[in-house]
Amino acid sequence: MYKKEKTEKLKSNIKYLIKSRGETQISLCSSSGLTRTTIYNILEGRVVNVQQSTIRKISDFFGVSYKEIETVDFEEREVIESSVSLLGNMNPAAVPIIKENSLVQSLDKRIGELVATHPLTYFFGTACNLIGVLLENEIKGVNESGDLLIVKKGLSNSNKEKLVYDKTTKGLFITTESCCCSDEVLVIGEIVEERFNG
């Protein structure tokens, strides 16, 4: 019975986190390395005993505690925390800072791994799958070397600013066009905050 309760809690937390963080099952799968079948089976209640490595990948993606995702009701807790204080009571998210020259090699690594190997900054707000990109070259007319861009990793179909890597020039640029990875470009993700050097 205990395993079934944990699986139910995991299922409801995944559903809540996907909805509240503006994610989709596809973004969860592509960023965490899990298959759509795995996520589908968990959400449909077809799995009684979810592998620990799967739980860790899901909790890493959302930036939540691996232990709590099976035992705590996140929706209930966040409602309570946000109603206790006008400013909320959210801990800042740790964001790994990646230098521009090692950005492309770092993209396939999970946030949990990057946090352990890179310097950190903090982001105050609802966040998951964030990286800090430390610019070493200017982005003409927009950002200078030394600026830090907080980026939500992965593809985005919104019209917000996106950081994109041009494989031909080996440089970064910013666009609001919807674009996807191709032989010419690699979409780093949506810019959620800019911190200017100086």
N, C-alpha and C. Protein backbone atom coordinates (compact mmCIF):
# COMPACT_ATOMS: atom_id res chain seq x y z
N MET A 1 0.83 -1.21 0.00
CA MET A 1 0.00 0.00 0.00
C MET A 1 0.87 1.26 0.00
N TYR A 2 1.99 1.21 0.77
CA TYR A 2 2.85 2.38 0.90
C TYR A 2 3.41 2.81 -0.46
N LYS A 3 3.84 1.82 -1.28
CA LYS A 3 4.37 2.14 -2.61
C LYS A 3 3.31 2.82 -3.47
N LYS A 4 2.08 2.32 -3.37
CA LYS A 4 0.99 2.89 -4.17
C LYS A 4 0.75 4.35 -3.78
N GLU A 5 0.80 4.65 -2.47
CA GLU A 5 0.61 6.04 -2.01
C GLU A 5 1.71 6.94 -2.56
N LYS A 6 2.95 6.45 -2.52
CA LYS A 6 4.08 7.25 -3.02
C LYS A 6 3.93 7.50 -4.52
N THR A 7 3.48 6.48 -5.24
CA THR A 7 3.31 6.62 -6.69
C THR A 7 2.19 7.62 -6.99
N GLU A 8 1.11 7.57 -6.21
CA GLU A 8 0.01 8.54 -6.39
C GLU A 8 0.50 9.96 -6.14
N LYS A 9 1.28 10.13 -5.07
CA LYS A 9 1.82 11.45 -4.73
C LYS A 9 2.74 11.95 -5.85
N LEU A 10 3.59 11.05 -6.36
CA LEU A 10 4.51 11.40 -7.45
C LEU A 10 3.71 11.84 -8.68
N LYS A 11 2.67 11.08 -8.99
CA LYS A 11 1.83 11.37 -10.16
C LYS A 11 1.18 12.74 -10.02
N SER A 12 0.56 13.02 -8.86
CA SER A 12 -0.12 14.31 -8.71
C SER A 12 0.88 15.46 -8.68
N ASN A 13 2.08 15.23 -8.11
CA ASN A 13 3.11 16.28 -8.11
C ASN A 13 3.61 16.58 -9.51
N ILE A 14 3.82 15.54 -10.33
CA ILE A 14 4.28 15.77 -11.71
C ILE A 14 3.24 16.59 -12.46
N LYS A 15 1.97 16.21 -12.33
CA LYS A 15 0.89 16.95 -13.02
C LYS A 15 0.88 18.41 -12.57
N TYR A 16 0.98 18.63 -11.25
CA TYR A 16 0.95 20.00 -10.72
C TYR A 16 2.17 20.80 -11.19
N LEU A 17 3.35 20.18 -11.12
CA LEU A 17 4.58 20.90 -11.49
C LEU A 17 4.60 21.24 -12.98
N ILE A 18 4.13 20.33 -13.82
CA ILE A 18 4.06 20.62 -15.26
C ILE A 18 3.16 21.84 -15.49
N LYS A 19 1.99 21.83 -14.84
CA LYS A 19 1.02 22.92 -15.04
C LYS A 19 1.52 24.23 -14.44
N SER A 20 1.99 24.19 -13.20
CA SER A 20 2.35 25.43 -12.50
C SER A 20 3.65 26.05 -13.01
N ARG A 21 4.52 25.25 -13.62
CA ARG A 21 5.80 25.78 -14.11
C ARG A 21 5.76 26.08 -15.61
N GLY A 22 4.56 25.93 -16.20
CA GLY A 22 4.42 26.24 -17.62
C GLY A 22 5.17 25.26 -18.52
N GLU A 23 5.28 24.03 -18.08
CA GLU A 23 5.97 23.01 -18.87
C GLU A 23 4.95 22.14 -19.60
N THR A 24 5.48 21.20 -20.39
CA THR A 24 4.63 20.20 -21.05
C THR A 24 5.29 18.85 -20.83
N GLN A 25 4.56 17.78 -21.11
CA GLN A 25 5.17 16.44 -21.01
C GLN A 25 6.35 16.35 -21.96
N ILE A 26 6.25 16.99 -23.13
CA ILE A 26 7.33 16.93 -24.12
C ILE A 26 8.57 17.63 -23.61
N SER A 27 8.41 18.84 -23.01
CA SER A 27 9.60 19.55 -22.51
C SER A 27 10.25 18.78 -21.36
N LEU A 28 9.42 18.16 -20.52
CA LEU A 28 9.94 17.33 -19.43
C LEU A 28 10.77 16.18 -19.99
N CYS A 29 10.23 15.51 -21.01
CA CYS A 29 10.93 14.35 -21.59
C CYS A 29 12.23 14.79 -22.28
N SER A 30 12.15 15.84 -23.11
CA SER A 30 13.34 16.20 -23.89
C SER A 30 14.46 16.73 -22.99
N SER A 31 14.12 17.39 -21.90
CA SER A 31 15.17 17.93 -21.03
C SER A 31 15.67 16.94 -19.99
N SER A 32 14.84 15.98 -19.60
CA SER A 32 15.26 15.05 -18.54
C SER A 32 15.83 13.76 -19.11
N GLY A 33 15.63 13.54 -20.42
CA GLY A 33 16.14 12.32 -21.02
C GLY A 33 15.24 11.11 -20.82
N LEU A 34 14.03 11.34 -20.32
CA LEU A 34 13.09 10.23 -20.13
C LEU A 34 12.22 10.08 -21.37
N THR A 35 11.71 8.89 -21.60
CA THR A 35 10.85 8.70 -22.78
C THR A 35 9.43 9.15 -22.45
N ARG A 36 8.69 9.49 -23.49
CA ARG A 36 7.29 9.91 -23.29
C ARG A 36 6.47 8.76 -22.71
N THR A 37 6.83 7.53 -23.09
CA THR A 37 6.12 6.36 -22.57
C THR A 37 6.26 6.28 -21.05
N THR A 38 7.49 6.51 -20.56
CA THR A 38 7.74 6.45 -19.11
C THR A 38 6.85 7.45 -18.38
N ILE A 39 6.85 8.71 -18.84
CA ILE A 39 6.04 9.76 -18.19
C ILE A 39 4.56 9.42 -18.31
N TYR A 40 4.14 9.00 -19.49
CA TYR A 40 2.73 8.65 -19.72
C TYR A 40 2.30 7.54 -18.76
N ASN A 41 3.13 6.49 -18.64
CA ASN A 41 2.79 5.37 -17.77
C ASN A 41 2.67 5.79 -16.30
N ILE A 42 3.54 6.71 -15.86
CA ILE A 42 3.46 7.20 -14.47
C ILE A 42 2.16 7.99 -14.29
N LEU A 43 1.89 8.91 -15.23
CA LEU A 43 0.71 9.78 -15.10
C LEU A 43 -0.61 9.02 -15.26
N GLU A 44 -0.57 7.91 -15.98
CA GLU A 44 -1.79 7.10 -16.15
C GLU A 44 -1.93 6.05 -15.06
N GLY A 45 -0.97 6.02 -14.12
CA GLY A 45 -1.05 5.07 -13.01
C GLY A 45 -0.76 3.64 -13.40
N ARG A 46 0.03 3.47 -14.47
CA ARG A 46 0.33 2.10 -14.93
C ARG A 46 1.58 1.53 -14.28
N VAL A 47 2.28 2.34 -13.50
CA VAL A 47 3.50 1.87 -12.84
C VAL A 47 3.28 1.95 -11.34
N VAL A 48 3.61 0.87 -10.63
CA VAL A 48 3.46 0.89 -9.18
C VAL A 48 4.78 1.28 -8.53
N ASN A 49 5.87 0.80 -9.09
CA ASN A 49 7.18 1.05 -8.49
C ASN A 49 8.06 1.80 -9.48
N VAL A 50 8.14 3.13 -9.33
CA VAL A 50 8.93 3.95 -10.25
C VAL A 50 10.40 3.88 -9.85
N GLN A 51 11.27 3.68 -10.86
CA GLN A 51 12.70 3.56 -10.58
C GLN A 51 13.24 4.85 -9.97
N GLN A 52 14.19 4.67 -9.04
CA GLN A 52 14.79 5.83 -8.35
C GLN A 52 15.46 6.78 -9.34
N SER A 53 16.12 6.22 -10.36
CA SER A 53 16.83 7.09 -11.33
C SER A 53 15.82 7.96 -12.10
N THR A 54 14.63 7.41 -12.36
CA THR A 54 13.57 8.18 -13.05
C THR A 54 13.08 9.31 -12.16
N ILE A 55 12.85 9.00 -10.88
CA ILE A 55 12.39 10.03 -9.93
C ILE A 55 13.43 11.14 -9.82
N ARG A 56 14.72 10.75 -9.79
CA ARG A 56 15.79 11.75 -9.67
C ARG A 56 15.81 12.67 -10.89
N LYS A 57 15.63 12.11 -12.08
CA LYS A 57 15.63 12.93 -13.30
C LYS A 57 14.46 13.92 -13.28
N ILE A 58 13.30 13.47 -12.82
CA ILE A 58 12.12 14.34 -12.77
C ILE A 58 12.33 15.46 -11.73
N SER A 59 12.83 15.10 -10.54
CA SER A 59 13.02 16.11 -9.50
C SER A 59 14.12 17.10 -9.89
N ASP A 60 15.19 16.62 -10.56
CA ASP A 60 16.25 17.51 -11.07
C ASP A 60 15.68 18.52 -12.04
N PHE A 61 14.83 18.04 -12.94
CA PHE A 61 14.26 18.92 -13.97
C PHE A 61 13.46 20.05 -13.33
N PHE A 62 12.65 19.72 -12.32
CA PHE A 62 11.82 20.74 -11.69
C PHE A 62 12.54 21.50 -10.58
N GLY A 63 13.77 21.06 -10.23
CA GLY A 63 14.52 21.74 -9.17
C GLY A 63 13.88 21.57 -7.81
N VAL A 64 13.28 20.39 -7.59
CA VAL A 64 12.66 20.11 -6.29
C VAL A 64 13.37 18.94 -5.63
N SER A 65 13.09 18.75 -4.36
CA SER A 65 13.76 17.70 -3.59
C SER A 65 13.33 16.32 -4.06
N TYR A 66 14.33 15.49 -4.28
CA TYR A 66 14.15 14.10 -4.70
C TYR A 66 13.35 13.32 -3.65
N LYS A 67 13.60 13.62 -2.38
CA LYS A 67 12.89 12.91 -1.30
C LYS A 67 11.42 13.37 -1.22
N GLU A 68 11.20 14.68 -1.42
CA GLU A 68 9.86 15.24 -1.22
C GLU A 68 8.88 14.94 -2.34
N ILE A 69 9.37 14.70 -3.56
CA ILE A 69 8.46 14.57 -4.70
C ILE A 69 7.50 13.39 -4.56
N GLU A 70 7.87 12.39 -3.72
CA GLU A 70 6.99 11.24 -3.49
C GLU A 70 6.20 11.34 -2.18
N THR A 71 6.53 12.34 -1.36
CA THR A 71 5.93 12.36 -0.02
C THR A 71 5.17 13.63 0.32
N VAL A 72 5.49 14.75 -0.35
CA VAL A 72 4.89 16.04 -0.01
C VAL A 72 3.92 16.45 -1.12
N ASP A 73 2.80 17.02 -0.76
CA ASP A 73 1.87 17.55 -1.75
C ASP A 73 2.30 18.98 -2.08
N PHE A 74 3.01 19.15 -3.22
CA PHE A 74 3.57 20.46 -3.57
C PHE A 74 2.49 21.52 -3.77
N GLU A 75 1.39 21.14 -4.37
CA GLU A 75 0.33 22.12 -4.63
C GLU A 75 -0.19 22.68 -3.30
N GLU A 76 -0.48 21.77 -2.37
CA GLU A 76 -0.98 22.19 -1.06
C GLU A 76 0.05 23.07 -0.36
N ARG A 77 1.31 22.64 -0.40
CA ARG A 77 2.35 23.40 0.29
C ARG A 77 2.55 24.79 -0.32
N GLU A 78 2.56 24.87 -1.65
CA GLU A 78 2.79 26.18 -2.28
C GLU A 78 1.62 27.13 -2.07
N VAL A 79 0.41 26.59 -2.01
CA VAL A 79 -0.76 27.43 -1.73
C VAL A 79 -0.64 27.99 -0.32
N ILE A 80 -0.26 27.14 0.64
CA ILE A 80 -0.10 27.59 2.03
C ILE A 80 1.01 28.63 2.12
N GLU A 81 2.17 28.34 1.50
CA GLU A 81 3.31 29.26 1.60
C GLU A 81 3.01 30.60 0.96
N SER A 82 2.30 30.59 -0.17
CA SER A 82 2.05 31.87 -0.84
C SER A 82 0.98 32.67 -0.11
N SER A 83 0.15 31.99 0.69
CA SER A 83 -0.88 32.75 1.40
C SER A 83 -0.40 33.22 2.77
N VAL A 84 0.71 32.65 3.25
CA VAL A 84 1.22 33.04 4.56
C VAL A 84 1.85 34.43 4.48
N SER A 85 2.54 34.71 3.39
CA SER A 85 3.25 35.97 3.27
C SER A 85 2.87 36.64 1.96
N LEU A 86 2.78 37.97 1.98
CA LEU A 86 2.46 38.69 0.75
C LEU A 86 3.54 38.48 -0.29
N LEU A 87 4.78 38.31 0.17
CA LEU A 87 5.90 38.14 -0.75
C LEU A 87 6.16 36.67 -1.06
N GLY A 88 5.33 35.80 -0.56
CA GLY A 88 5.59 34.37 -0.74
C GLY A 88 6.71 33.96 0.19
N ASN A 89 7.07 32.72 0.14
CA ASN A 89 8.12 32.24 1.03
C ASN A 89 8.99 31.27 0.26
N MET A 90 9.33 31.67 -0.95
CA MET A 90 10.02 30.76 -1.84
C MET A 90 11.53 30.91 -1.70
N ASN A 91 12.23 29.79 -1.63
CA ASN A 91 13.69 29.85 -1.65
C ASN A 91 14.13 30.20 -3.05
N PRO A 92 15.22 30.96 -3.17
CA PRO A 92 15.71 31.26 -4.51
C PRO A 92 16.25 29.99 -5.16
N ALA A 93 16.12 29.92 -6.48
CA ALA A 93 16.64 28.75 -7.21
C ALA A 93 18.12 28.96 -7.49
N ALA A 94 18.92 27.93 -7.25
CA ALA A 94 20.35 27.98 -7.59
C ALA A 94 20.48 27.79 -9.10
N VAL A 95 21.22 28.70 -9.74
CA VAL A 95 21.37 28.66 -11.19
C VAL A 95 22.86 28.55 -11.53
N PRO A 96 23.26 27.48 -12.26
CA PRO A 96 24.68 27.36 -12.62
C PRO A 96 25.07 28.40 -13.67
N ILE A 97 26.24 29.02 -13.49
CA ILE A 97 26.73 30.01 -14.45
C ILE A 97 27.69 29.31 -15.40
N ILE A 98 27.36 29.37 -16.70
CA ILE A 98 28.17 28.69 -17.71
C ILE A 98 28.77 29.74 -18.63
N LYS A 99 30.10 29.69 -18.81
CA LYS A 99 30.75 30.64 -19.71
C LYS A 99 30.36 30.32 -21.15
N GLU A 100 30.28 31.38 -21.94
CA GLU A 100 29.85 31.25 -23.33
C GLU A 100 30.65 30.18 -24.08
N ASN A 101 31.98 30.12 -23.83
CA ASN A 101 32.81 29.19 -24.61
C ASN A 101 32.57 27.71 -24.26
N SER A 102 31.93 27.43 -23.11
CA SER A 102 31.66 26.02 -22.80
C SER A 102 30.15 25.72 -22.82
N LEU A 103 29.37 26.67 -23.36
CA LEU A 103 27.91 26.55 -23.33
C LEU A 103 27.41 25.34 -24.13
N VAL A 104 27.87 25.21 -25.36
CA VAL A 104 27.34 24.16 -26.24
C VAL A 104 27.61 22.77 -25.66
N GLN A 105 28.82 22.57 -25.09
CA GLN A 105 29.17 21.27 -24.50
C GLN A 105 28.34 20.99 -23.25
N SER A 106 27.84 22.03 -22.60
CA SER A 106 27.10 21.85 -21.34
C SER A 106 25.62 21.58 -21.54
N LEU A 107 25.10 21.80 -22.74
CA LEU A 107 23.66 21.74 -22.95
C LEU A 107 23.03 20.38 -22.69
N ASP A 108 23.79 19.31 -22.92
CA ASP A 108 23.19 17.98 -22.73
C ASP A 108 23.30 17.50 -21.29
N LYS A 109 23.92 18.32 -20.41
CA LYS A 109 24.04 17.92 -19.01
C LYS A 109 22.81 18.39 -18.24
N ARG A 110 22.45 17.63 -17.19
CA ARG A 110 21.30 18.00 -16.38
C ARG A 110 21.67 19.14 -15.42
N ILE A 111 20.67 19.92 -15.02
CA ILE A 111 20.89 21.06 -14.13
C ILE A 111 21.56 20.61 -12.83
N GLY A 112 21.10 19.48 -12.27
CA GLY A 112 21.68 18.95 -11.03
C GLY A 112 23.18 18.74 -11.14
N GLU A 113 23.62 18.29 -12.31
CA GLU A 113 25.04 18.05 -12.55
C GLU A 113 25.79 19.38 -12.70
N LEU A 114 25.19 20.32 -13.44
CA LEU A 114 25.83 21.63 -13.67
C LEU A 114 25.97 22.42 -12.37
N VAL A 115 24.95 22.32 -11.50
CA VAL A 115 24.99 23.05 -10.22
C VAL A 115 26.18 22.59 -9.38
N ALA A 116 26.53 21.31 -9.50
CA ALA A 116 27.63 20.76 -8.70
C ALA A 116 29.00 21.14 -9.25
N THR A 117 29.08 21.54 -10.54
CA THR A 117 30.39 21.75 -11.16
C THR A 117 30.65 23.20 -11.60
N HIS A 118 29.68 24.08 -11.44
CA HIS A 118 29.84 25.47 -11.91
C HIS A 118 29.55 26.45 -10.77
N PRO A 119 30.07 27.70 -10.91
CA PRO A 119 29.69 28.73 -9.92
C PRO A 119 28.18 28.98 -10.02
N LEU A 120 27.59 29.51 -8.94
CA LEU A 120 26.14 29.69 -8.90
C LEU A 120 25.74 31.15 -8.77
N THR A 121 24.56 31.43 -9.28
CA THR A 121 23.87 32.67 -8.95
C THR A 121 22.47 32.23 -8.51
N TYR A 122 21.64 33.17 -8.10
CA TYR A 122 20.32 32.78 -7.61
C TYR A 122 19.24 33.54 -8.36
N PHE A 123 18.11 32.85 -8.56
CA PHE A 123 16.98 33.46 -9.26
C PHE A 123 15.79 33.42 -8.31
N PHE A 124 15.17 34.58 -8.10
CA PHE A 124 14.00 34.66 -7.22
C PHE A 124 12.75 34.62 -8.09
N GLY A 125 12.02 33.55 -7.98
CA GLY A 125 10.81 33.39 -8.77
C GLY A 125 10.58 31.92 -9.04
N THR A 126 9.47 31.63 -9.70
CA THR A 126 9.17 30.25 -10.04
C THR A 126 10.09 29.84 -11.18
N ALA A 127 10.84 28.79 -10.98
CA ALA A 127 11.85 28.47 -11.98
C ALA A 127 12.21 27.01 -12.00
N CYS A 128 12.47 26.51 -13.18
CA CYS A 128 13.10 25.20 -13.30
C CYS A 128 13.85 25.19 -14.63
N ASN A 129 14.88 24.38 -14.67
CA ASN A 129 15.66 24.21 -15.89
C ASN A 129 16.36 25.51 -16.31
N LEU A 130 16.85 26.28 -15.32
CA LEU A 130 17.51 27.55 -15.64
C LEU A 130 19.03 27.41 -15.65
N ILE A 131 19.66 28.13 -16.58
CA ILE A 131 21.12 28.26 -16.58
C ILE A 131 21.45 29.74 -16.70
N GLY A 132 22.61 30.13 -16.19
CA GLY A 132 23.10 31.49 -16.39
C GLY A 132 24.18 31.43 -17.47
N VAL A 133 24.04 32.24 -18.52
CA VAL A 133 25.03 32.26 -19.60
C VAL A 133 25.85 33.54 -19.43
N LEU A 134 27.14 33.35 -19.14
CA LEU A 134 28.05 34.49 -18.97
C LEU A 134 28.64 34.82 -20.33
N LEU A 135 28.28 35.99 -20.86
CA LEU A 135 28.73 36.36 -22.20
C LEU A 135 30.21 36.74 -22.18
N GLU A 136 30.93 36.21 -23.17
CA GLU A 136 32.35 36.57 -23.31
C GLU A 136 32.55 37.44 -24.54
N ASN A 137 31.52 37.52 -25.38
CA ASN A 137 31.53 38.40 -26.56
C ASN A 137 30.23 39.20 -26.54
N GLU A 138 30.29 40.40 -27.11
CA GLU A 138 29.06 41.20 -27.11
C GLU A 138 28.07 40.63 -28.11
N ILE A 139 26.78 40.84 -27.83
CA ILE A 139 25.74 40.56 -28.81
C ILE A 139 25.35 41.94 -29.32
N LYS A 140 25.71 42.22 -30.55
CA LYS A 140 25.65 43.58 -31.10
C LYS A 140 24.36 44.33 -30.77
N GLY A 141 24.54 45.48 -30.16
CA GLY A 141 23.41 46.35 -29.87
C GLY A 141 22.53 45.90 -28.72
N VAL A 142 22.87 44.77 -28.09
CA VAL A 142 22.00 44.26 -27.04
C VAL A 142 22.76 44.05 -25.73
N ASN A 143 23.77 43.20 -25.76
CA ASN A 143 24.50 42.87 -24.54
C ASN A 143 26.00 42.97 -24.75
N GLU A 144 26.69 43.24 -23.62
CA GLU A 144 28.14 43.35 -23.67
C GLU A 144 28.78 42.13 -23.04
N SER A 145 30.07 41.98 -23.30
CA SER A 145 30.84 40.92 -22.64
C SER A 145 30.76 41.14 -21.13
N GLY A 146 30.53 40.08 -20.36
CA GLY A 146 30.40 40.20 -18.92
C GLY A 146 28.97 40.22 -18.44
N ASP A 147 28.01 40.45 -19.36
CA ASP A 147 26.60 40.38 -18.98
C ASP A 147 26.22 38.93 -18.71
N LEU A 148 25.24 38.75 -17.83
CA LEU A 148 24.77 37.41 -17.50
C LEU A 148 23.31 37.29 -17.92
N LEU A 149 23.01 36.28 -18.73
CA LEU A 149 21.63 36.04 -19.15
C LEU A 149 21.11 34.80 -18.43
N ILE A 150 19.99 34.94 -17.73
CA ILE A 150 19.36 33.79 -17.09
C ILE A 150 18.39 33.22 -18.13
N VAL A 151 18.62 31.96 -18.49
CA VAL A 151 17.91 31.35 -19.62
C VAL A 151 17.20 30.09 -19.17
N LYS A 152 15.94 29.96 -19.57
CA LYS A 152 15.19 28.72 -19.34
C LYS A 152 15.53 27.81 -20.52
N LYS A 153 16.28 26.77 -20.22
CA LYS A 153 16.78 25.88 -21.27
C LYS A 153 15.67 25.20 -22.06
N GLY A 154 15.91 25.03 -23.36
CA GLY A 154 14.99 24.24 -24.17
C GLY A 154 14.23 25.07 -25.18
N LEU A 155 13.51 24.37 -26.03
CA LEU A 155 12.73 25.04 -27.08
C LEU A 155 11.55 25.78 -26.48
N SER A 156 11.19 26.87 -27.12
CA SER A 156 10.06 27.66 -26.63
C SER A 156 9.32 28.17 -27.84
N ASN A 157 7.98 28.07 -27.83
CA ASN A 157 7.23 28.60 -28.98
C ASN A 157 6.58 29.93 -28.63
N SER A 158 7.06 30.56 -27.55
CA SER A 158 6.50 31.87 -27.19
C SER A 158 7.17 32.95 -28.04
N ASN A 159 6.67 34.18 -27.96
CA ASN A 159 7.30 35.27 -28.71
C ASN A 159 8.25 36.06 -27.82
N LYS A 160 8.65 35.44 -26.70
CA LYS A 160 9.63 36.10 -25.82
C LYS A 160 11.02 35.96 -26.43
N GLU A 161 11.98 36.74 -25.90
CA GLU A 161 13.35 36.68 -26.43
C GLU A 161 13.98 35.33 -26.16
N LYS A 162 14.62 34.80 -27.20
CA LYS A 162 15.31 33.51 -27.07
C LYS A 162 16.78 33.69 -27.40
N LEU A 163 17.62 32.98 -26.68
CA LEU A 163 19.05 32.99 -26.95
C LEU A 163 19.34 31.83 -27.89
N VAL A 164 20.02 32.13 -29.01
CA VAL A 164 20.26 31.12 -30.05
C VAL A 164 21.74 31.14 -30.41
N TYR A 165 22.28 29.95 -30.65
CA TYR A 165 23.69 29.80 -31.05
C TYR A 165 23.74 29.55 -32.54
N ASP A 166 24.53 30.37 -33.24
CA ASP A 166 24.71 30.21 -34.68
C ASP A 166 25.91 29.30 -34.92
N LYS A 167 25.67 28.12 -35.50
CA LYS A 167 26.75 27.14 -35.66
C LYS A 167 27.78 27.59 -36.69
N THR A 168 27.38 28.44 -37.64
CA THR A 168 28.32 28.90 -38.67
C THR A 168 29.29 29.92 -38.10
N THR A 169 28.75 30.97 -37.44
CA THR A 169 29.62 32.03 -36.91
C THR A 169 30.16 31.68 -35.53
N LYS A 170 29.60 30.60 -34.93
CA LYS A 170 29.95 30.18 -33.56
C LYS A 170 29.72 31.32 -32.56
N GLY A 171 28.64 32.07 -32.79
CA GLY A 171 28.30 33.18 -31.91
C GLY A 171 26.84 33.09 -31.46
N LEU A 172 26.51 33.88 -30.44
CA LEU A 172 25.15 33.90 -29.92
C LEU A 172 24.38 35.09 -30.49
N PHE A 173 23.07 34.92 -30.64
CA PHE A 173 22.22 36.06 -30.98
C PHE A 173 20.88 35.88 -30.28
N ILE A 174 20.11 36.98 -30.25
CA ILE A 174 18.81 36.97 -29.57
C ILE A 174 17.73 37.22 -30.60
N THR A 175 16.64 36.45 -30.50
CA THR A 175 15.54 36.63 -31.45
C THR A 175 14.20 36.42 -30.74
N THR A 176 13.15 37.03 -31.29
CA THR A 176 11.81 36.76 -30.77
C THR A 176 11.06 35.86 -31.74
N GLU A 177 11.70 35.56 -32.90
CA GLU A 177 11.08 34.65 -33.88
C GLU A 177 10.98 33.26 -33.27
N SER A 178 9.97 32.49 -33.70
CA SER A 178 9.97 31.11 -33.23
C SER A 178 10.93 30.34 -34.13
N CYS A 179 11.84 29.62 -33.52
CA CYS A 179 12.82 28.88 -34.31
C CYS A 179 13.10 27.56 -33.62
N CYS A 180 13.61 26.62 -34.38
CA CYS A 180 13.95 25.34 -33.77
C CYS A 180 15.35 24.95 -34.20
N CYS A 181 15.92 23.99 -33.51
CA CYS A 181 17.29 23.58 -33.80
C CYS A 181 17.38 23.03 -35.21
N SER A 182 18.49 23.34 -35.88
CA SER A 182 18.70 22.88 -37.25
C SER A 182 20.20 22.72 -37.45
N ASP A 183 20.61 22.52 -38.71
CA ASP A 183 22.04 22.42 -39.01
C ASP A 183 22.73 23.77 -38.78
N GLU A 184 21.95 24.86 -38.87
CA GLU A 184 22.55 26.20 -38.74
C GLU A 184 22.50 26.75 -37.31
N VAL A 185 21.40 26.47 -36.60
CA VAL A 185 21.24 27.09 -35.28
C VAL A 185 20.89 26.08 -34.20
N LEU A 186 21.20 26.48 -32.97
CA LEU A 186 20.89 25.68 -31.79
C LEU A 186 20.19 26.62 -30.81
N VAL A 187 18.94 26.31 -30.48
CA VAL A 187 18.19 27.17 -29.55
C VAL A 187 18.63 26.84 -28.13
N ILE A 188 19.18 27.84 -27.42
CA ILE A 188 19.61 27.62 -26.04
C ILE A 188 18.39 27.66 -25.12
N GLY A 189 17.52 28.66 -25.30
CA GLY A 189 16.31 28.75 -24.49
C GLY A 189 15.79 30.17 -24.40
N GLU A 190 14.76 30.32 -23.58
CA GLU A 190 14.08 31.61 -23.42
C GLU A 190 14.78 32.44 -22.33
N ILE A 191 15.03 33.71 -22.62
CA ILE A 191 15.69 34.58 -21.64
C ILE A 191 14.65 35.03 -20.61
N VAL A 192 14.92 34.76 -19.33
CA VAL A 192 13.97 35.17 -18.29
C VAL A 192 14.47 36.39 -17.51
N GLU A 193 15.78 36.64 -17.57
CA GLU A 193 16.32 37.80 -16.87
C GLU A 193 17.68 38.16 -17.44
N GLU A 194 17.96 39.47 -17.50
CA GLU A 194 19.29 39.94 -17.94
C GLU A 194 19.93 40.67 -16.79
N ARG A 195 21.19 40.39 -16.53
CA ARG A 195 21.95 41.12 -15.50
C ARG A 195 23.14 41.75 -16.19
N PHE A 196 23.16 43.08 -16.15
CA PHE A 196 24.19 43.79 -16.90
C PHE A 196 25.45 43.96 -16.06
N ASN A 197 26.57 43.83 -16.72
CA ASN A 197 27.87 43.94 -16.07
C ASN A 197 28.16 45.41 -15.83
N GLY A 198 28.28 45.75 -14.55
CA GLY A 198 28.72 47.11 -14.39
C GLY A 198 27.98 47.92 -13.41
